[in-house]
Amino acid sequence: MSRLRRMPRQQPTRPARRRSYDQFCATARALDSVGDRWTLLIVRELLAGPRRYTDLHADLPGVSTDVLASRLKDMEQGGLAVRRRLPPPAAASVYELTERGRGLLPVLTALAHWGAPALAERRPTDAVRAHWFALPLLRALDGLTGAGVIEVRLAEGQFHLRTGTEATAGEVYGYGPSGHPDACLVLGTEAALALARGEVTLAEAVEAGLVDVLGEGPLAEELRAGRPSCQ
């Protein structure tokens, strides 16, 4: 009798991790794409424009390198972000949002408005970056008619907002100071929080001296008049 060859035992195939709620619902479909932890915060960072992986990791304290890489890969596969190589002399890879990814701006702005009341006080473990105030302040500037770049100066640092025709390609705010802003807002953290929570309008904050407006020109004059209001 011929000896039968023993075939290697095959390992059971692990089912793929389910990434869908399997519900025919627009909200469920949206959460299929952005419901994982850290995804929306990565979108928040990329709304200011292309960023390198190392920059994203630095401004997302608490995220592990493995999780960040996994989320970015998921965002690429889901059509929310793309990775591209910058030309020399930069020669670095950056991630940037697609048009669909930039479409999450009103979602994040609404979330920032909804979550602002929870910022009653800063906990000892809370990290902070100046540009994290950009989304809440955008709502306070809703209704601004002038177009241009507004530099915002806080104790935590500086960032800039773009309004009107300057807010192109979804890059409505940016990191750090702007080279040639059309206007500048100087305010403290408490004033920024009050504006974000809707406790005070821009006009009231300017009149009370909580916000200083620097610069000349139509945009600075409109800000100085405090025409935009918190909705």
Foldseek 3Di string as FASTA:
>chain_A
DDDDDDDDDDDDDDDDDDLFPPDPDPVRVVCSQQVDPPLVVLLLVQLQHWDALVVSPVVDPPDDSVVSVVSLVSCVVVQQKDWDADDPPVRGIIIHGDPVNLVCLVVVLVVLLVCLVVPPDDDPPDDDAPCVLVSLVVLLCPPQDDFWKEWEQEPRAIKIATDDPRCPPSNGIHDHGDPDTQKYKYAYPVVSSCSSNQVDHLQRCLVVVRIDMDHDDDRSVCSNNRPRTRD
